[in-house]
């Protein structure tokens, strides 16, 4: 299938397969890309997204509001003086990207993107190939030592860093301790750093949300929405910047929230280290 812009899905499918990446099971970055209206997704990703949407149509609002939250959060950190960003689980490049937002004011910024998908890595790397202040590293967020070591080649961890864990910890199983992972990253940050977390919640419609989560598991993916109190623990006891831990659509919106704002079933918040 070739799109209006010349993108050939079969050709893309072959490229991903040659890299040893399965396209017959859904991948969170590609499912998210589909929700955002992108093109880098395959039948398994679309099927997973549509199954999820049948259980929980609010997922579409959540995905788009989460992306808008990321943009506002980066602006908040930039305006607070942060000039270094570590975007973990960055996913497929979607404009405006973290480094684009960080530089909107005309001030410089260094940004490291992290993802464990080789194709995400290659696409992002190609986008920033000529920018010496942006790096893309292939790593698994669970391997904190590896991520921090690679990121430290560009970022100075003795100075404040904006750590972004946006819509990624809900892809970590309970047994892998997502709050503990967040704590390990926080412990490596200098005073004056900030941590941004967003995470899907199951508190509004537990039965439907858990059905969507189970459908993801059946298809080889991990998506675990959690109650607000569990998400709050991922900030490891630090005080959240106002307005606290709220639906991403309610976190300092730039315009009056729309009528579907409360369907953004993802919580977001920011803490200062």
Protein backbone atom coordinates (compact mmCIF):
# COMPACT_ATOMS: atom_id res chain seq x y z
CA UNK A 1 0.00 0.00 0.00
CA UNK A 2 1.46 3.33 -1.07
CA UNK A 3 0.15 6.53 0.49
CA UNK A 4 -0.25 9.95 -1.08
CA UNK A 5 3.21 10.94 0.15
CA UNK A 6 4.89 7.91 -1.39
CA UNK A 7 5.14 5.86 1.79
CA UNK A 8 4.95 2.16 0.94
CA UNK A 9 3.77 0.00 3.84
CA UNK A 10 5.06 -3.25 2.35
CA UNK A 11 8.49 -1.73 1.82
CA UNK A 12 8.51 -0.40 5.38
CA UNK A 13 7.37 -3.80 6.65
CA UNK A 14 10.30 -5.46 4.90
CA UNK A 15 12.78 -2.93 6.34
CA UNK A 16 11.58 -3.52 9.89
CA UNK A 17 11.62 -7.31 9.38
CA UNK A 18 15.18 -7.18 8.05
CA UNK A 19 16.19 -5.48 11.29
CA UNK A 20 14.78 -8.42 13.23
CA UNK A 21 11.75 -6.47 14.48
CA UNK A 22 8.44 -8.22 14.55
CA UNK A 23 5.62 -6.40 12.80
CA UNK A 24 3.08 -9.14 13.47
CA UNK A 25 2.69 -8.10 17.11
CA UNK A 26 1.80 -4.59 18.26
CA UNK A 27 4.45 -2.18 19.47
CA UNK A 28 3.53 0.67 21.87
CA UNK A 29 5.30 3.34 19.79
CA UNK A 30 3.50 2.29 16.62
CA UNK A 31 0.11 1.99 18.34
CA UNK A 32 0.63 5.48 19.78
CA UNK A 33 1.65 6.74 16.34
CA UNK A 34 -1.62 5.39 14.93
CA UNK A 35 -3.60 7.15 17.67
CA UNK A 36 -1.82 10.40 16.86
CA UNK A 37 -2.68 10.11 13.17
CA UNK A 38 0.81 9.08 12.03
CA UNK A 39 1.77 6.60 9.36
CA UNK A 40 4.43 4.37 10.98
CA UNK A 41 2.23 1.45 11.97
CA UNK A 42 1.18 -1.93 10.63
CA UNK A 43 -1.87 -4.16 10.70
CA UNK A 44 -1.08 -5.60 14.15
CA UNK A 45 -0.70 -2.11 15.59
CA UNK A 46 -3.92 -0.85 14.02
CA UNK A 47 -5.79 -3.95 15.15
CA UNK A 48 -4.51 -3.48 18.71
CA UNK A 49 -5.48 0.19 18.64
CA UNK A 50 -8.96 -0.56 17.33
CA UNK A 51 -9.51 -3.35 19.86
CA UNK A 52 -8.45 -0.95 22.59
CA UNK A 53 -10.75 1.73 21.24
CA UNK A 54 -13.70 -0.67 21.20
CA UNK A 55 -13.16 -1.31 24.88
CA UNK A 56 -12.16 2.23 25.67
CA UNK A 57 -12.86 4.91 23.02
CA UNK A 58 -11.38 7.42 25.47
CA UNK A 59 -7.94 6.15 24.40
CA UNK A 60 -7.98 8.44 21.39
CA UNK A 61 -8.52 11.55 23.50
CA UNK A 62 -5.96 10.30 26.03
CA UNK A 63 -3.26 9.83 23.38
CA UNK A 64 -3.71 13.25 21.84
CA UNK A 65 -4.04 15.07 25.16
CA UNK A 66 -0.96 13.27 26.44
CA UNK A 67 1.05 14.56 23.51
CA UNK A 68 -0.18 18.10 24.19
CA UNK A 69 0.80 17.64 27.85
CA UNK A 70 4.33 16.72 26.79
CA UNK A 71 4.64 19.95 24.82
CA UNK A 72 3.36 22.07 27.73
CA UNK A 73 5.60 20.25 30.20
CA UNK A 74 8.72 20.88 28.13
CA UNK A 75 7.79 24.56 27.87
CA UNK A 76 7.34 24.67 31.65
CA UNK A 77 10.78 23.16 32.23
CA UNK A 78 12.35 25.42 29.62
CA UNK A 79 10.84 28.49 31.24
CA UNK A 80 12.14 27.25 34.61
CA UNK A 81 15.65 27.39 33.19
CA UNK A 82 16.21 23.76 32.21
CA UNK A 83 18.55 23.44 29.22
CA UNK A 84 19.08 19.67 29.24
CA UNK A 85 16.42 17.04 28.58
CA UNK A 86 16.38 13.26 28.80
CA UNK A 87 13.31 11.94 26.97
CA UNK A 88 12.95 8.24 27.81
CA UNK A 89 10.71 6.07 25.68
CA UNK A 90 10.53 8.88 23.17
CA UNK A 91 8.73 6.86 20.52
CA UNK A 92 8.44 7.73 16.86
CA UNK A 93 9.35 11.34 16.03
CA UNK A 94 6.27 13.57 16.15
CA UNK A 95 6.49 17.33 15.65
CA UNK A 96 6.82 19.39 17.71
CA UNK A 97 9.52 17.22 19.24
CA UNK A 98 11.10 17.79 22.63
CA UNK A 99 14.13 19.55 21.19
CA UNK A 100 11.97 21.75 18.97
CA UNK A 101 9.87 22.89 21.93
CA UNK A 102 12.92 23.35 24.16
CA UNK A 103 14.39 25.75 21.61
CA UNK A 104 11.28 27.77 20.81
CA UNK A 105 12.52 30.67 22.92
CA UNK A 106 15.72 30.90 20.91
CA UNK A 107 17.82 29.52 23.76
CA UNK A 108 19.95 26.46 23.23
CA UNK A 109 19.16 23.06 24.69
CA UNK A 110 20.74 19.63 24.71
CA UNK A 111 18.37 16.70 24.32
CA UNK A 112 18.85 12.95 24.51
CA UNK A 113 16.11 10.65 23.25
CA UNK A 114 15.99 7.04 24.43
CA UNK A 115 14.08 4.14 22.90
CA UNK A 116 14.62 0.39 22.74
CA UNK A 117 13.13 -0.03 19.26
CA UNK A 118 15.83 -0.06 16.55
CA UNK A 119 13.56 1.50 13.95
CA UNK A 120 12.45 4.27 16.31
CA UNK A 121 16.16 4.81 16.97
CA UNK A 122 17.02 5.01 13.27
CA UNK A 123 14.16 7.29 12.34
CA UNK A 124 14.90 9.67 15.20
CA UNK A 125 18.64 9.53 14.54
CA UNK A 126 18.11 10.44 10.90
CA UNK A 127 15.98 13.41 11.91
CA UNK A 128 18.69 14.92 14.13
CA UNK A 129 21.81 13.68 12.34
CA UNK A 130 23.19 17.19 11.80
CA UNK A 131 22.49 18.47 15.30
CA UNK A 132 25.41 17.99 17.67
CA UNK A 133 23.28 18.95 20.67
CA UNK A 134 20.72 16.19 20.14
CA UNK A 135 21.44 12.50 20.54
CA UNK A 136 19.37 9.35 20.15
CA UNK A 137 20.44 6.27 22.06
CA UNK A 138 19.18 2.70 21.73
CA UNK A 139 18.53 1.45 25.25
CA UNK A 140 15.89 -0.10 27.48
CA UNK A 141 14.63 2.25 30.17
CA UNK A 142 14.81 -0.59 32.70
CA UNK A 143 18.60 -0.62 32.34
CA UNK A 144 19.12 2.68 34.13
CA UNK A 145 22.91 2.39 34.32
CA UNK A 146 23.19 1.92 30.55
CA UNK A 147 20.79 4.77 29.79
CA UNK A 148 22.55 7.18 32.13
CA UNK A 149 26.00 6.22 30.89
CA UNK A 150 25.07 6.80 27.25
CA UNK A 151 23.12 9.97 27.99
CA UNK A 152 26.07 11.28 29.99
CA UNK A 153 28.09 11.55 26.80
CA UNK A 154 26.01 14.62 25.92
CA UNK A 155 24.29 15.67 29.14
CA UNK A 156 26.06 17.00 32.23
CA UNK A 157 24.36 15.31 35.18
CA UNK A 158 26.03 17.69 37.62
CA UNK A 159 23.63 20.32 36.22
CA UNK A 160 19.80 20.30 36.13
CA UNK A 161 18.13 17.93 33.69
CA UNK A 162 14.50 17.61 32.66
CA UNK A 163 13.65 13.89 32.81
CA UNK A 164 10.63 12.89 30.73
CA UNK A 165 8.87 9.61 31.49
CA UNK A 166 5.81 10.37 29.41
CA UNK A 167 3.36 7.53 28.69
CA UNK A 168 6.03 4.90 29.21
CA UNK A 169 5.82 3.53 32.76
CA UNK A 170 2.44 1.98 32.02
CA UNK A 171 4.35 -0.33 29.65
CA UNK A 172 6.30 -1.70 32.63
CA UNK A 173 4.92 -4.69 34.53
CA UNK A 174 4.36 -4.53 38.29
CA UNK A 175 7.08 -7.14 38.82
CA UNK A 176 9.60 -4.79 37.19
CA UNK A 177 8.79 -2.05 39.72
CA UNK A 178 8.08 1.10 37.69
CA UNK A 179 8.27 3.32 40.79
CA UNK A 180 11.70 1.86 41.57
CA UNK A 181 12.86 2.56 38.02
CA UNK A 182 11.73 6.18 38.33
CA UNK A 183 13.52 6.44 41.70
CA UNK A 184 16.81 5.25 40.23
CA UNK A 185 16.68 7.91 37.57
CA UNK A 186 15.74 10.59 40.08
CA UNK A 187 18.70 9.68 42.29
CA UNK A 188 21.06 10.48 39.39
CA UNK A 189 19.70 14.01 38.88
CA UNK A 190 21.25 17.20 40.23
CA UNK A 191 19.24 19.57 42.46
CA UNK A 192 17.09 21.85 40.34
CA UNK A 193 16.20 19.04 37.94
CA UNK A 194 12.59 18.18 37.09
CA UNK A 195 10.80 14.91 36.43
CA UNK A 196 7.72 14.68 34.20
CA UNK A 197 5.54 11.56 34.39
CA UNK A 198 2.30 10.69 32.66
CA UNK A 199 0.56 7.35 33.04
CA UNK A 200 -2.76 5.78 32.01
CA UNK A 201 -5.31 5.21 34.76
CA UNK A 202 -7.95 2.55 35.31
CA UNK A 203 -10.01 4.43 37.88
CA UNK A 204 -12.79 5.77 35.63
CA UNK A 205 -13.93 2.52 34.04
CA UNK A 206 -12.02 -0.39 35.62
CA UNK A 207 -13.81 -3.19 33.77
CA UNK A 208 -13.38 -1.67 30.33
CA UNK A 209 -9.83 -0.55 31.01
CA UNK A 210 -8.77 -3.96 32.31
CA UNK A 211 -10.35 -5.61 29.26
CA UNK A 212 -8.26 -3.37 27.01
CA UNK A 213 -5.16 -4.21 29.05
CA UNK A 214 -5.89 -7.93 28.78
CA UNK A 215 -6.35 -7.58 25.02
CA UNK A 216 -2.89 -5.99 24.83
CA UNK A 217 -1.38 -8.88 26.80
CA UNK A 218 -3.02 -11.42 24.48
CA UNK A 219 -1.33 -9.69 21.55
CA UNK A 220 2.13 -9.64 23.08
CA UNK A 221 2.08 -6.04 24.33
CA UNK A 222 2.18 -4.61 27.85
CA UNK A 223 -0.12 -1.78 28.86
CA UNK A 224 -1.03 -1.54 32.54
CA UNK A 225 -3.21 1.41 33.54
CA UNK A 226 -3.04 2.04 37.29
CA UNK A 227 -4.97 3.86 40.03
CA UNK A 228 -4.02 7.43 40.82
CA UNK A 229 -2.39 6.54 44.14
CA UNK A 230 -0.05 4.05 42.45
CA UNK A 231 0.90 6.64 39.85
CA UNK A 232 1.53 9.18 42.61
CA UNK A 233 4.04 6.78 44.22
CA UNK A 234 6.15 6.97 41.07
CA UNK A 235 7.08 10.52 42.08
CA UNK A 236 8.69 8.98 45.17
CA UNK A 237 7.32 11.37 47.79
CA UNK A 238 8.35 14.61 46.13
CA UNK A 239 5.98 17.58 46.04
CA UNK A 240 4.30 18.11 42.71
CA UNK A 241 4.22 21.46 40.98
CA UNK A 242 0.71 22.97 40.87
CA UNK A 243 -1.85 21.80 39.91
CA UNK A 244 -0.48 18.47 41.15
CA UNK A 245 -1.28 15.08 39.66
CA UNK A 246 -4.24 15.71 37.36
CA UNK A 247 -5.62 14.49 34.07
CA UNK A 248 -3.19 15.57 31.35
CA UNK A 249 -5.90 17.69 29.76
CA UNK A 250 -6.16 19.65 33.04
CA UNK A 251 -2.43 20.26 33.52
CA UNK A 252 -2.01 23.99 32.82
CA UNK A 253 -4.01 24.01 29.56
CA UNK A 254 -3.25 26.93 27.27
CA UNK A 255 -6.90 27.26 26.31
CA UNK A 256 -10.17 26.32 27.98
CA UNK A 257 -10.38 22.50 28.03
CA UNK A 258 -12.82 21.10 25.49
CA UNK A 259 -15.94 19.07 26.24
CA UNK A 260 -14.02 15.78 26.03
CA UNK A 261 -11.20 16.85 28.40
CA UNK A 262 -12.37 14.45 31.11
CA UNK A 263 -12.02 11.54 28.68
CA UNK A 264 -8.24 11.91 28.77
CA UNK A 265 -7.78 9.01 31.17
CA UNK A 266 -4.10 9.68 31.78
CA UNK A 267 -2.64 11.42 34.79
CA UNK A 268 0.33 13.74 34.52
CA UNK A 269 2.48 15.72 36.90
CA UNK A 270 5.87 17.32 37.44
CA UNK A 271 8.19 17.33 40.43
CA UNK A 272 11.36 19.30 41.13
CA UNK A 273 14.31 17.33 42.43
